[in-house]
Amino acid sequence: MKPKIVIVEDERDLLELLEYHLAKEFEVEGFLDTKMVRQFLEEEGVDLLVMDRNLPGQEGSEFVQHLRQEGIEIPVIFLTAKDKEEQIEEGFCRGADDYITKPFNIKELLLRIKAVLRRAKPQTQEVLHYRDIEIHPTSHEVFVDGQKVHLSQLEYRLLMEFVTNPHQVLTRDHLLDEVWGDLKQERSVNVAIKRLKDKIDPNKTKNYIESIRGVGYKFC
C-alpha cells in the first residue's frame, strides 16, 4: 500500500503541481484550506501532512499546534514562504517534523517526505488474531476470513478497542474517551458500531459485538 499524504496549499496551481508529482509515489489528497482536514484525518488513515502556513481562515502552524494538543501525532512538513529564523523556530515549536521554505525543489521535497516517513514508521508488531479476524497494526489492514476489510480510521480504532478488551462490557463513555477523544459525539457511537458490524459481519451471522442495553457493548 502506498503511504497516504494530505497536502494543504491555498494556491490551486501549486496544489495541483504537488499532487501531480507526489501521486507518482504516494496516495495524495489535496485541500485548499484546513476546514475539512480535521475530519479527514479522523476518518482516514493518513501517514503525513504537507502543510502551508499562509492559509485562509486558520494559519497552518496554529492548526498543527491544535492537532498536537489533541494528541494527534501525524508527521507534518511545513512547506511555506515564512522563512525567517524566528518563523522556522515557531514552526518546529508548534509541531513540525520538517520545515521547507519556498521556493523549493520538488526532488528535495520527495526525499524529505521519505525521510520523515521512515522515522515515523512504527516498530514491527505481531499480527493480532481474534476468532477469524486478523489485524496488522503496522499497516492498519484488517482481514475477516482471509478477506480484506476496508475500515475508516475511526472504525479501525473502535475495532482495536474491542479486540484488546474482549468479553468486557465497554460503556459508551469509555468508547467516547478512548476512541473519539476530544471529538465526543455520543450519538455517533451507535452509528459507528453499526458501520463496523456491517463491514466485519455483513451477513450478520457471527455476532462479534453484543449490545448490553443501557450499559454499552461487549466484543464476543
N, C-alpha and C. Protein backbone atom coordinates (compact mmCIF):
# COMPACT_ATOMS: atom_id res chain seq x y z
N MET A 1 0.84 -1.20 0.00
CA MET A 1 0.00 0.00 0.00
C MET A 1 0.88 1.26 0.00
N LYS A 2 0.49 2.23 -0.82
CA LYS A 2 1.22 3.50 -0.84
C LYS A 2 0.89 4.31 0.41
N PRO A 3 1.87 5.00 0.99
CA PRO A 3 1.56 5.92 2.08
C PRO A 3 0.57 6.98 1.62
N LYS A 4 -0.32 7.39 2.53
CA LYS A 4 -1.32 8.40 2.19
C LYS A 4 -0.86 9.75 2.74
N ILE A 5 -0.81 10.74 1.85
CA ILE A 5 -0.34 12.07 2.20
C ILE A 5 -1.43 13.10 1.93
N VAL A 6 -1.62 14.00 2.87
CA VAL A 6 -2.53 15.13 2.70
C VAL A 6 -1.72 16.39 2.47
N ILE A 7 -2.09 17.16 1.45
CA ILE A 7 -1.45 18.44 1.16
C ILE A 7 -2.46 19.56 1.39
N VAL A 8 -2.07 20.56 2.16
CA VAL A 8 -2.91 21.74 2.35
C VAL A 8 -2.16 22.94 1.80
N GLU A 9 -2.66 23.49 0.70
CA GLU A 9 -1.99 24.58 -0.01
C GLU A 9 -3.07 25.42 -0.69
N ASP A 10 -3.10 26.74 -0.41
CA ASP A 10 -4.20 27.58 -0.92
C ASP A 10 -3.99 28.07 -2.34
N GLU A 11 -2.81 27.91 -2.90
CA GLU A 11 -2.60 28.27 -4.30
C GLU A 11 -2.94 27.05 -5.17
N ARG A 12 -4.05 27.15 -5.90
CA ARG A 12 -4.56 25.98 -6.62
C ARG A 12 -3.53 25.40 -7.60
N ASP A 13 -2.83 26.27 -8.35
CA ASP A 13 -1.86 25.77 -9.33
C ASP A 13 -0.75 24.99 -8.64
N LEU A 14 -0.26 25.50 -7.52
CA LEU A 14 0.80 24.81 -6.79
C LEU A 14 0.28 23.51 -6.19
N LEU A 15 -0.94 23.54 -5.68
CA LEU A 15 -1.52 22.31 -5.13
C LEU A 15 -1.61 21.23 -6.20
N GLU A 16 -2.08 21.61 -7.38
CA GLU A 16 -2.19 20.63 -8.47
C GLU A 16 -0.82 20.11 -8.89
N LEU A 17 0.19 20.99 -8.89
CA LEU A 17 1.54 20.56 -9.23
C LEU A 17 2.07 19.56 -8.21
N LEU A 18 1.86 19.85 -6.93
CA LEU A 18 2.30 18.94 -5.88
C LEU A 18 1.57 17.60 -5.97
N GLU A 19 0.28 17.66 -6.20
CA GLU A 19 -0.50 16.43 -6.33
C GLU A 19 0.03 15.59 -7.50
N TYR A 20 0.34 16.24 -8.61
CA TYR A 20 0.83 15.53 -9.79
C TYR A 20 2.13 14.79 -9.50
N HIS A 21 3.09 15.48 -8.87
CA HIS A 21 4.39 14.87 -8.61
C HIS A 21 4.33 13.83 -7.49
N LEU A 22 3.64 14.14 -6.43
CA LEU A 22 3.62 13.21 -5.29
C LEU A 22 2.79 11.96 -5.57
N ALA A 23 1.78 12.08 -6.45
CA ALA A 23 0.93 10.94 -6.76
C ALA A 23 1.68 9.82 -7.48
N LYS A 24 2.89 10.12 -7.97
CA LYS A 24 3.69 9.07 -8.61
C LYS A 24 4.17 8.04 -7.59
N GLU A 25 4.29 8.46 -6.33
CA GLU A 25 4.81 7.55 -5.30
C GLU A 25 3.90 7.39 -4.09
N PHE A 26 2.91 8.29 -3.95
CA PHE A 26 2.05 8.24 -2.76
C PHE A 26 0.59 8.37 -3.16
N GLU A 27 -0.27 7.99 -2.24
CA GLU A 27 -1.69 8.30 -2.39
C GLU A 27 -1.89 9.70 -1.82
N VAL A 28 -2.46 10.61 -2.61
CA VAL A 28 -2.47 12.02 -2.25
C VAL A 28 -3.89 12.58 -2.21
N GLU A 29 -4.15 13.39 -1.20
CA GLU A 29 -5.41 14.12 -1.08
C GLU A 29 -5.08 15.58 -0.82
N GLY A 30 -5.63 16.49 -1.63
CA GLY A 30 -5.29 17.91 -1.50
C GLY A 30 -6.44 18.75 -1.00
N PHE A 31 -6.12 19.78 -0.22
CA PHE A 31 -7.10 20.72 0.30
C PHE A 31 -6.58 22.14 0.13
N LEU A 32 -7.50 23.09 -0.11
CA LEU A 32 -7.13 24.50 -0.27
C LEU A 32 -7.13 25.26 1.05
N ASP A 33 -7.71 24.68 2.09
CA ASP A 33 -7.71 25.28 3.43
C ASP A 33 -7.88 24.15 4.43
N THR A 34 -7.98 24.51 5.71
CA THR A 34 -8.00 23.48 6.76
C THR A 34 -9.41 23.05 7.16
N LYS A 35 -10.45 23.61 6.53
CA LYS A 35 -11.82 23.39 7.01
C LYS A 35 -12.20 21.92 7.13
N MET A 36 -11.86 21.11 6.13
CA MET A 36 -12.27 19.71 6.11
C MET A 36 -11.14 18.76 6.49
N VAL A 37 -9.96 19.30 6.77
CA VAL A 37 -8.79 18.45 7.01
C VAL A 37 -8.94 17.66 8.31
N ARG A 38 -9.39 18.32 9.36
CA ARG A 38 -9.51 17.66 10.66
C ARG A 38 -10.41 16.42 10.57
N GLN A 39 -11.54 16.55 9.92
CA GLN A 39 -12.46 15.43 9.77
C GLN A 39 -11.83 14.32 8.93
N PHE A 40 -11.10 14.71 7.87
CA PHE A 40 -10.47 13.72 7.01
C PHE A 40 -9.43 12.92 7.78
N LEU A 41 -8.64 13.60 8.61
CA LEU A 41 -7.62 12.91 9.41
C LEU A 41 -8.26 11.92 10.37
N GLU A 42 -9.44 12.28 10.91
CA GLU A 42 -10.13 11.40 11.84
C GLU A 42 -10.66 10.15 11.15
N GLU A 43 -11.13 10.30 9.92
CA GLU A 43 -11.83 9.22 9.24
C GLU A 43 -10.93 8.35 8.38
N GLU A 44 -9.79 8.87 7.99
CA GLU A 44 -8.90 8.13 7.10
C GLU A 44 -7.54 7.90 7.75
N GLY A 45 -6.87 6.86 7.32
CA GLY A 45 -5.53 6.59 7.81
C GLY A 45 -4.51 7.39 7.02
N VAL A 46 -4.07 8.51 7.56
CA VAL A 46 -3.14 9.41 6.86
C VAL A 46 -1.74 9.25 7.46
N ASP A 47 -0.73 9.17 6.59
CA ASP A 47 0.64 8.93 7.05
C ASP A 47 1.45 10.21 7.23
N LEU A 48 1.09 11.28 6.50
CA LEU A 48 1.89 12.50 6.59
C LEU A 48 1.08 13.68 6.07
N LEU A 49 1.34 14.84 6.65
CA LEU A 49 0.66 16.08 6.27
C LEU A 49 1.69 17.08 5.77
N VAL A 50 1.51 17.57 4.53
CA VAL A 50 2.33 18.65 3.98
C VAL A 50 1.49 19.92 4.06
N MET A 51 1.93 20.88 4.86
CA MET A 51 1.08 22.00 5.25
C MET A 51 1.71 23.36 4.95
N ASP A 52 0.98 24.18 4.20
CA ASP A 52 1.37 25.59 4.04
C ASP A 52 1.02 26.31 5.34
N ARG A 53 1.60 27.49 5.56
CA ARG A 53 1.26 28.27 6.76
C ARG A 53 0.35 29.45 6.42
N ASN A 54 0.56 30.07 5.27
CA ASN A 54 -0.27 31.21 4.87
C ASN A 54 -1.56 30.70 4.24
N LEU A 55 -2.56 30.43 5.07
CA LEU A 55 -3.81 29.85 4.60
C LEU A 55 -4.98 30.75 4.97
N PRO A 56 -6.05 30.71 4.18
CA PRO A 56 -7.26 31.45 4.57
C PRO A 56 -7.87 30.82 5.80
N GLY A 57 -8.43 31.64 6.67
CA GLY A 57 -9.00 31.10 7.89
C GLY A 57 -7.93 30.88 8.93
N GLN A 58 -7.65 29.62 9.24
CA GLN A 58 -6.68 29.29 10.29
C GLN A 58 -5.27 29.15 9.74
N GLU A 59 -4.31 29.82 10.36
CA GLU A 59 -2.90 29.72 9.95
C GLU A 59 -2.41 28.28 10.15
N GLY A 60 -1.59 27.81 9.20
CA GLY A 60 -1.21 26.41 9.17
C GLY A 60 -0.56 25.89 10.43
N SER A 61 0.38 26.64 11.00
CA SER A 61 1.07 26.15 12.19
C SER A 61 0.17 26.15 13.41
N GLU A 62 -0.81 27.07 13.45
CA GLU A 62 -1.79 27.06 14.54
C GLU A 62 -2.66 25.82 14.45
N PHE A 63 -3.03 25.44 13.23
CA PHE A 63 -3.82 24.22 13.02
C PHE A 63 -3.06 23.00 13.52
N VAL A 64 -1.77 22.92 13.17
CA VAL A 64 -0.94 21.79 13.60
C VAL A 64 -0.77 21.80 15.12
N GLN A 65 -0.58 22.97 15.69
CA GLN A 65 -0.45 23.07 17.14
C GLN A 65 -1.69 22.51 17.84
N HIS A 66 -2.86 22.80 17.31
CA HIS A 66 -4.10 22.26 17.89
C HIS A 66 -4.15 20.73 17.75
N LEU A 67 -3.68 20.21 16.62
CA LEU A 67 -3.62 18.76 16.45
C LEU A 67 -2.75 18.14 17.53
N ARG A 68 -1.58 18.73 17.76
CA ARG A 68 -0.66 18.19 18.76
C ARG A 68 -1.28 18.27 20.16
N GLN A 69 -1.98 19.35 20.46
CA GLN A 69 -2.61 19.48 21.77
C GLN A 69 -3.70 18.44 21.98
N GLU A 70 -4.28 17.96 20.88
CA GLU A 70 -5.31 16.93 20.96
C GLU A 70 -4.72 15.52 20.91
N GLY A 71 -3.39 15.42 20.87
CA GLY A 71 -2.73 14.11 20.88
C GLY A 71 -2.58 13.47 19.52
N ILE A 72 -2.80 14.22 18.45
CA ILE A 72 -2.66 13.69 17.10
C ILE A 72 -1.22 13.89 16.65
N GLU A 73 -0.49 12.79 16.47
CA GLU A 73 0.96 12.87 16.23
C GLU A 73 1.34 12.55 14.79
N ILE A 74 0.41 12.74 13.85
CA ILE A 74 0.74 12.52 12.44
C ILE A 74 1.93 13.39 12.06
N PRO A 75 2.92 12.84 11.32
CA PRO A 75 4.07 13.65 10.89
C PRO A 75 3.64 14.83 10.01
N VAL A 76 4.30 15.98 10.20
CA VAL A 76 3.96 17.20 9.47
C VAL A 76 5.22 17.83 8.89
N ILE A 77 5.14 18.20 7.61
CA ILE A 77 6.17 19.01 6.97
C ILE A 77 5.54 20.33 6.56
N PHE A 78 6.08 21.42 7.07
CA PHE A 78 5.62 22.73 6.62
C PHE A 78 6.32 23.07 5.30
N LEU A 79 5.53 23.51 4.32
CA LEU A 79 6.04 23.97 3.04
C LEU A 79 5.51 25.38 2.86
N THR A 80 6.34 26.38 3.11
CA THR A 80 5.82 27.73 3.31
C THR A 80 6.81 28.81 2.89
N ALA A 81 6.28 30.00 2.63
CA ALA A 81 7.12 31.16 2.33
C ALA A 81 7.63 31.84 3.58
N LYS A 82 7.17 31.44 4.75
CA LYS A 82 7.65 32.03 6.01
C LYS A 82 9.04 31.47 6.30
N ASP A 83 10.05 32.28 5.98
CA ASP A 83 11.43 31.77 6.00
C ASP A 83 12.35 32.47 6.99
N LYS A 84 11.80 33.35 7.83
CA LYS A 84 12.64 34.00 8.82
C LYS A 84 12.99 33.00 9.93
N GLU A 85 14.15 33.24 10.55
CA GLU A 85 14.64 32.31 11.56
C GLU A 85 13.62 32.08 12.67
N GLU A 86 12.99 33.18 13.15
CA GLU A 86 12.03 33.03 14.24
C GLU A 86 10.76 32.31 13.77
N GLN A 87 10.42 32.44 12.48
CA GLN A 87 9.24 31.75 11.95
C GLN A 87 9.50 30.25 11.83
N ILE A 88 10.70 29.90 11.42
CA ILE A 88 11.07 28.49 11.33
C ILE A 88 11.08 27.86 12.72
N GLU A 89 11.66 28.58 13.68
CA GLU A 89 11.67 28.08 15.06
C GLU A 89 10.25 27.91 15.58
N GLU A 90 9.39 28.87 15.27
CA GLU A 90 8.00 28.80 15.68
C GLU A 90 7.32 27.57 15.09
N GLY A 91 7.61 27.28 13.82
CA GLY A 91 7.02 26.12 13.15
C GLY A 91 7.38 24.82 13.84
N PHE A 92 8.66 24.67 14.19
CA PHE A 92 9.07 23.45 14.89
C PHE A 92 8.46 23.38 16.28
N CYS A 93 8.38 24.50 16.96
CA CYS A 93 7.80 24.52 18.31
C CYS A 93 6.32 24.15 18.28
N ARG A 94 5.66 24.42 17.16
CA ARG A 94 4.23 24.12 17.05
C ARG A 94 3.96 22.72 16.51
N GLY A 95 5.02 21.95 16.24
CA GLY A 95 4.78 20.55 15.91
C GLY A 95 5.34 20.04 14.60
N ALA A 96 6.16 20.84 13.91
CA ALA A 96 6.71 20.38 12.63
C ALA A 96 7.73 19.26 12.84
N ASP A 97 7.73 18.31 11.91
CA ASP A 97 8.78 17.30 11.84
C ASP A 97 9.87 17.71 10.86
N ASP A 98 9.51 18.58 9.93
CA ASP A 98 10.48 19.16 8.99
C ASP A 98 9.89 20.47 8.48
N TYR A 99 10.76 21.30 7.91
CA TYR A 99 10.34 22.64 7.51
C TYR A 99 11.06 22.99 6.21
N ILE A 100 10.28 23.26 5.15
CA ILE A 100 10.85 23.59 3.84
C ILE A 100 10.31 24.96 3.43
N THR A 101 11.21 25.84 3.00
CA THR A 101 10.79 27.18 2.61
C THR A 101 10.66 27.28 1.09
N LYS A 102 9.74 28.13 0.65
CA LYS A 102 9.54 28.40 -0.77
C LYS A 102 10.47 29.53 -1.21
N PRO A 103 10.99 29.48 -2.45
CA PRO A 103 10.80 28.41 -3.45
C PRO A 103 11.54 27.14 -3.05
N PHE A 104 11.10 26.02 -3.57
CA PHE A 104 11.65 24.74 -3.13
C PHE A 104 11.90 23.85 -4.34
N ASN A 105 12.65 22.78 -4.11
CA ASN A 105 12.96 21.80 -5.14
C ASN A 105 12.08 20.57 -4.91
N ILE A 106 11.34 20.15 -5.92
CA ILE A 106 10.40 19.05 -5.76
C ILE A 106 11.10 17.75 -5.39
N LYS A 107 12.31 17.54 -5.92
CA LYS A 107 13.05 16.32 -5.59
C LYS A 107 13.45 16.31 -4.12
N GLU A 108 13.86 17.48 -3.62
CA GLU A 108 14.21 17.57 -2.21
C GLU A 108 12.98 17.32 -1.34
N LEU A 109 11.83 17.85 -1.74
CA LEU A 109 10.60 17.60 -1.00
C LEU A 109 10.30 16.10 -0.94
N LEU A 110 10.44 15.42 -2.06
CA LEU A 110 10.20 13.97 -2.08
C LEU A 110 11.14 13.23 -1.14
N LEU A 111 12.42 13.61 -1.15
CA LEU A 111 13.40 12.96 -0.28
C LEU A 111 13.09 13.22 1.19
N ARG A 112 12.68 14.44 1.49
CA ARG A 112 12.37 14.77 2.88
C ARG A 112 11.11 14.04 3.35
N ILE A 113 10.12 13.91 2.47
CA ILE A 113 8.92 13.15 2.81
C ILE A 113 9.29 11.70 3.13
N LYS A 114 10.11 11.10 2.31
CA LYS A 114 10.50 9.71 2.53
C LYS A 114 11.28 9.57 3.84
N ALA A 115 12.14 10.55 4.15
CA ALA A 115 12.92 10.50 5.38
C ALA A 115 12.02 10.60 6.60
N VAL A 116 11.04 11.51 6.56
CA VAL A 116 10.12 11.65 7.70
C VAL A 116 9.28 10.39 7.86
N LEU A 117 8.83 9.81 6.75
CA LEU A 117 8.04 8.57 6.83
C LEU A 117 8.85 7.43 7.42
N ARG A 118 10.14 7.35 7.06
CA ARG A 118 11.00 6.31 7.63
C ARG A 118 11.13 6.48 9.14
N ARG A 119 11.32 7.70 9.59
CA ARG A 119 11.48 7.94 11.02
C ARG A 119 10.18 7.66 11.78
N ALA A 120 9.06 7.91 11.10
CA ALA A 120 7.77 7.76 11.77
C ALA A 120 7.25 6.32 11.74
N LYS A 121 7.86 5.47 10.93
CA LYS A 121 7.35 4.11 10.78
C LYS A 121 7.44 3.37 12.10
N PRO A 122 6.34 2.82 12.58
CA PRO A 122 6.36 2.12 13.86
C PRO A 122 7.14 0.83 13.79
N GLN A 123 7.58 0.39 14.94
CA GLN A 123 8.27 -0.89 15.01
C GLN A 123 7.30 -2.02 14.64
N THR A 124 7.85 -3.05 14.03
CA THR A 124 7.02 -4.17 13.62
C THR A 124 6.31 -4.78 14.82
N GLN A 125 5.01 -4.95 14.69
CA GLN A 125 4.23 -5.55 15.75
C GLN A 125 3.65 -6.86 15.25
N GLU A 126 3.38 -7.77 16.18
CA GLU A 126 2.79 -9.04 15.81
C GLU A 126 1.38 -8.83 15.27
N VAL A 127 0.97 -9.71 14.38
CA VAL A 127 -0.39 -9.68 13.87
C VAL A 127 -1.33 -10.10 14.99
N LEU A 128 -2.43 -9.38 15.13
CA LEU A 128 -3.43 -9.70 16.15
C LEU A 128 -4.50 -10.59 15.54
N HIS A 129 -4.88 -11.63 16.31
CA HIS A 129 -5.93 -12.55 15.85
C HIS A 129 -7.04 -12.61 16.89
N TYR A 130 -8.27 -12.57 16.41
CA TYR A 130 -9.41 -12.81 17.30
C TYR A 130 -10.48 -13.50 16.47
N ARG A 131 -10.81 -14.74 16.89
CA ARG A 131 -11.69 -15.57 16.09
C ARG A 131 -11.17 -15.60 14.66
N ASP A 132 -11.97 -15.17 13.69
CA ASP A 132 -11.47 -15.18 12.31
C ASP A 132 -11.10 -13.78 11.82
N ILE A 133 -10.84 -12.88 12.77
CA ILE A 133 -10.38 -11.53 12.43
C ILE A 133 -8.86 -11.47 12.57
N GLU A 134 -8.20 -10.89 11.59
CA GLU A 134 -6.74 -10.72 11.60
C GLU A 134 -6.42 -9.25 11.40
N ILE A 135 -5.63 -8.67 12.32
CA ILE A 135 -5.31 -7.25 12.26
C ILE A 135 -3.80 -7.06 12.17
N HIS A 136 -3.37 -6.24 11.23
CA HIS A 136 -1.95 -5.90 11.06
C HIS A 136 -1.74 -4.47 11.55
N PRO A 137 -1.27 -4.29 12.77
CA PRO A 137 -1.17 -2.94 13.34
C PRO A 137 -0.27 -1.99 12.58
N THR A 138 0.80 -2.49 11.96
CA THR A 138 1.73 -1.59 11.27
C THR A 138 1.12 -0.97 10.02
N SER A 139 0.21 -1.69 9.37
CA SER A 139 -0.39 -1.18 8.13
C SER A 139 -1.87 -0.85 8.28
N HIS A 140 -2.43 -1.13 9.48
CA HIS A 140 -3.86 -0.91 9.74
C HIS A 140 -4.74 -1.75 8.81
N GLU A 141 -4.21 -2.87 8.34
CA GLU A 141 -5.01 -3.75 7.49
C GLU A 141 -5.80 -4.73 8.36
N VAL A 142 -7.03 -5.00 7.94
CA VAL A 142 -7.91 -5.90 8.66
C VAL A 142 -8.45 -6.94 7.69
N PHE A 143 -8.41 -8.21 8.11
CA PHE A 143 -8.93 -9.30 7.30
C PHE A 143 -9.94 -10.10 8.11
N VAL A 144 -11.03 -10.47 7.48
CA VAL A 144 -12.02 -11.35 8.10
C VAL A 144 -12.19 -12.55 7.19
N ASP A 145 -11.96 -13.75 7.73
CA ASP A 145 -12.00 -14.97 6.92
C ASP A 145 -11.05 -14.86 5.73
N GLY A 146 -9.93 -14.15 5.93
CA GLY A 146 -8.94 -14.01 4.88
C GLY A 146 -9.24 -12.94 3.85
N GLN A 147 -10.41 -12.30 3.97
CA GLN A 147 -10.79 -11.25 3.03
C GLN A 147 -10.51 -9.88 3.65
N LYS A 148 -9.87 -9.01 2.87
CA LYS A 148 -9.54 -7.68 3.39
C LYS A 148 -10.80 -6.85 3.56
N VAL A 149 -10.86 -6.16 4.71
CA VAL A 149 -11.99 -5.29 5.02
C VAL A 149 -11.46 -3.86 5.12
N HIS A 150 -12.10 -2.93 4.42
CA HIS A 150 -11.64 -1.55 4.41
C HIS A 150 -12.38 -0.76 5.49
N LEU A 151 -11.64 -0.33 6.50
CA LEU A 151 -12.21 0.43 7.60
C LEU A 151 -11.69 1.86 7.59
N SER A 152 -12.52 2.79 8.03
CA SER A 152 -12.04 4.16 8.26
C SER A 152 -11.14 4.14 9.49
N GLN A 153 -10.42 5.23 9.72
CA GLN A 153 -9.53 5.30 10.88
C GLN A 153 -10.33 5.16 12.17
N LEU A 154 -11.50 5.79 12.21
CA LEU A 154 -12.35 5.71 13.40
C LEU A 154 -12.82 4.28 13.63
N GLU A 155 -13.26 3.61 12.57
CA GLU A 155 -13.72 2.22 12.69
C GLU A 155 -12.58 1.31 13.11
N TYR A 156 -11.37 1.58 12.59
CA TYR A 156 -10.21 0.76 12.97
C TYR A 156 -9.90 0.92 14.46
N ARG A 157 -9.91 2.16 14.97
CA ARG A 157 -9.64 2.38 16.39
C ARG A 157 -10.72 1.71 17.25
N LEU A 158 -11.95 1.76 16.79
CA LEU A 158 -13.04 1.13 17.51
C LEU A 158 -12.85 -0.38 17.57
N LEU A 159 -12.49 -0.98 16.45
CA LEU A 159 -12.24 -2.42 16.42
C LEU A 159 -11.07 -2.79 17.33
N MET A 160 -9.99 -2.01 17.30
CA MET A 160 -8.84 -2.29 18.17
C MET A 160 -9.22 -2.21 19.64
N GLU A 161 -10.08 -1.28 20.00
CA GLU A 161 -10.51 -1.16 21.39
C GLU A 161 -11.28 -2.39 21.82
N PHE A 162 -12.10 -2.92 20.92
CA PHE A 162 -12.85 -4.14 21.24
C PHE A 162 -11.92 -5.36 21.30
N VAL A 163 -11.04 -5.50 20.32
CA VAL A 163 -10.17 -6.68 20.25
C VAL A 163 -9.23 -6.74 21.44
N THR A 164 -8.77 -5.59 21.91
CA THR A 164 -7.84 -5.58 23.05
C THR A 164 -8.57 -5.64 24.40
N ASN A 165 -9.90 -5.62 24.35
CA ASN A 165 -10.70 -5.76 25.58
C ASN A 165 -11.83 -6.77 25.37
N PRO A 166 -11.48 -7.99 24.97
CA PRO A 166 -12.54 -8.96 24.65
C PRO A 166 -13.34 -9.37 25.89
N HIS A 167 -14.62 -9.65 25.66
CA HIS A 167 -15.52 -10.16 26.71
C HIS A 167 -15.72 -9.17 27.86
N GLN A 168 -15.32 -7.92 27.65
CA GLN A 168 -15.57 -6.90 28.67
C GLN A 168 -16.64 -5.94 28.17
N VAL A 169 -17.52 -5.55 29.06
CA VAL A 169 -18.54 -4.58 28.69
C VAL A 169 -17.90 -3.19 28.67
N LEU A 170 -17.91 -2.56 27.50
CA LEU A 170 -17.34 -1.22 27.34
C LEU A 170 -18.49 -0.23 27.26
N THR A 171 -18.53 0.70 28.18
CA THR A 171 -19.60 1.69 28.19
C THR A 171 -19.42 2.69 27.06
N ARG A 172 -20.50 3.40 26.76
CA ARG A 172 -20.39 4.45 25.75
C ARG A 172 -19.38 5.52 26.18
N ASP A 173 -19.38 5.85 27.47
CA ASP A 173 -18.42 6.85 27.95
C ASP A 173 -16.99 6.38 27.74
N HIS A 174 -16.73 5.09 28.00
CA HIS A 174 -15.39 4.54 27.79
C HIS A 174 -15.00 4.65 26.32
N LEU A 175 -15.90 4.26 25.42
CA LEU A 175 -15.60 4.32 23.99
C LEU A 175 -15.39 5.75 23.52
N LEU A 176 -16.19 6.66 24.03
CA LEU A 176 -16.02 8.07 23.66
C LEU A 176 -14.66 8.60 24.09
N ASP A 177 -14.22 8.22 25.30
CA ASP A 177 -12.93 8.68 25.81
C ASP A 177 -11.77 8.07 25.04
N GLU A 178 -11.84 6.75 24.80
CA GLU A 178 -10.69 6.03 24.23
C GLU A 178 -10.63 6.10 22.71
N VAL A 179 -11.78 6.19 22.04
CA VAL A 179 -11.80 6.15 20.57
C VAL A 179 -12.02 7.54 19.98
N TRP A 180 -12.97 8.27 20.52
CA TRP A 180 -13.29 9.59 19.97
C TRP A 180 -12.43 10.70 20.58
N GLY A 181 -11.97 10.52 21.82
CA GLY A 181 -11.16 11.54 22.46
C GLY A 181 -11.93 12.84 22.65
N ASP A 182 -11.33 13.94 22.19
CA ASP A 182 -11.95 15.25 22.37
C ASP A 182 -13.15 15.48 21.45
N LEU A 183 -13.27 14.67 20.41
CA LEU A 183 -14.40 14.84 19.48
C LEU A 183 -15.58 13.97 19.91
N LYS A 184 -16.03 14.16 21.13
CA LYS A 184 -17.08 13.30 21.68
C LYS A 184 -18.43 13.65 21.06
N GLN A 185 -19.04 12.64 20.44
CA GLN A 185 -20.36 12.78 19.86
C GLN A 185 -21.13 11.51 20.20
N GLU A 186 -21.89 11.57 21.29
CA GLU A 186 -22.50 10.35 21.84
C GLU A 186 -23.36 9.61 20.83
N ARG A 187 -24.11 10.36 20.05
CA ARG A 187 -24.99 9.70 19.09
C ARG A 187 -24.22 8.97 18.00
N SER A 188 -22.96 9.39 17.78
CA SER A 188 -22.18 8.77 16.71
C SER A 188 -21.66 7.39 17.10
N VAL A 189 -21.71 7.02 18.39
CA VAL A 189 -21.25 5.70 18.81
C VAL A 189 -22.09 4.63 18.16
N ASN A 190 -23.41 4.74 18.24
CA ASN A 190 -24.29 3.74 17.64
C ASN A 190 -24.06 3.63 16.14
N VAL A 191 -23.90 4.79 15.47
CA VAL A 191 -23.71 4.80 14.03
C VAL A 191 -22.40 4.10 13.66
N ALA A 192 -21.31 4.44 14.39
CA ALA A 192 -20.00 3.85 14.08
C ALA A 192 -20.01 2.34 14.33
N ILE A 193 -20.64 1.90 15.40
CA ILE A 193 -20.69 0.47 15.69
C ILE A 193 -21.51 -0.27 14.64
N LYS A 194 -22.60 0.33 14.19
CA LYS A 194 -23.40 -0.30 13.13
C LYS A 194 -22.57 -0.43 11.85
N ARG A 195 -21.81 0.62 11.51
CA ARG A 195 -20.97 0.54 10.31
C ARG A 195 -19.90 -0.54 10.45
N LEU A 196 -19.29 -0.61 11.64
CA LEU A 196 -18.26 -1.62 11.87
C LEU A 196 -18.86 -3.02 11.76
N LYS A 197 -20.03 -3.23 12.37
CA LYS A 197 -20.71 -4.53 12.27
C LYS A 197 -20.97 -4.90 10.81
N ASP A 198 -21.47 -3.94 10.04
CA ASP A 198 -21.80 -4.21 8.64
C ASP A 198 -20.57 -4.61 7.83
N LYS A 199 -19.40 -4.10 8.24
CA LYS A 199 -18.19 -4.40 7.48
C LYS A 199 -17.53 -5.72 7.89
N ILE A 200 -17.52 -6.01 9.20
CA ILE A 200 -16.84 -7.24 9.64
C ILE A 200 -17.80 -8.43 9.71
N ASP A 201 -19.10 -8.17 9.64
CA ASP A 201 -20.09 -9.25 9.70
C ASP A 201 -21.27 -8.90 8.80
N PRO A 202 -21.02 -8.78 7.49
CA PRO A 202 -22.07 -8.32 6.58
C PRO A 202 -23.29 -9.25 6.52
N ASN A 203 -23.08 -10.53 6.78
CA ASN A 203 -24.19 -11.49 6.74
C ASN A 203 -24.90 -11.64 8.08
N LYS A 204 -24.38 -10.92 9.08
CA LYS A 204 -24.98 -10.92 10.43
C LYS A 204 -25.11 -12.33 11.00
N THR A 205 -24.03 -13.09 10.88
CA THR A 205 -24.04 -14.47 11.38
C THR A 205 -23.03 -14.70 12.49
N LYS A 206 -22.12 -13.75 12.72
CA LYS A 206 -21.02 -14.00 13.66
C LYS A 206 -21.18 -13.32 15.00
N ASN A 207 -22.01 -12.30 15.06
CA ASN A 207 -22.34 -11.65 16.33
C ASN A 207 -21.09 -11.30 17.14
N TYR A 208 -20.17 -10.56 16.51
CA TYR A 208 -18.96 -10.15 17.22
C TYR A 208 -19.27 -9.17 18.37
N ILE A 209 -20.19 -8.25 18.11
CA ILE A 209 -20.45 -7.17 19.07
C ILE A 209 -21.86 -7.32 19.64
N GLU A 210 -21.91 -7.48 20.94
CA GLU A 210 -23.20 -7.62 21.64
C GLU A 210 -23.55 -6.31 22.35
N SER A 211 -24.76 -5.86 22.12
CA SER A 211 -25.23 -4.65 22.78
C SER A 211 -25.79 -4.99 24.15
N ILE A 212 -25.27 -4.36 25.19
CA ILE A 212 -25.76 -4.57 26.56
C ILE A 212 -26.65 -3.37 26.88
N ARG A 213 -27.93 -3.60 26.89
CA ARG A 213 -28.91 -2.50 26.97
C ARG A 213 -28.67 -1.62 28.19
N GLY A 214 -28.59 -0.32 27.93
CA GLY A 214 -28.44 0.65 29.00
C GLY A 214 -27.04 0.76 29.56
N VAL A 215 -26.10 -0.08 29.04
CA VAL A 215 -24.72 -0.06 29.58
C VAL A 215 -23.70 0.26 28.48
N GLY A 216 -23.64 -0.60 27.48
CA GLY A 216 -22.65 -0.40 26.44
C GLY A 216 -22.59 -1.59 25.50
N TYR A 217 -21.35 -2.04 25.19
CA TYR A 217 -21.14 -3.09 24.20
C TYR A 217 -20.07 -4.08 24.68
N LYS A 218 -20.18 -5.30 24.20
CA LYS A 218 -19.19 -6.33 24.54
C LYS A 218 -18.77 -7.05 23.27
N PHE A 219 -17.45 -7.28 23.13
CA PHE A 219 -16.91 -8.00 21.99
C PHE A 219 -16.83 -9.47 22.35
N CYS A 220 -17.57 -10.30 21.61
CA CYS A 220 -17.71 -11.72 21.97
C CYS A 220 -16.81 -12.62 21.14
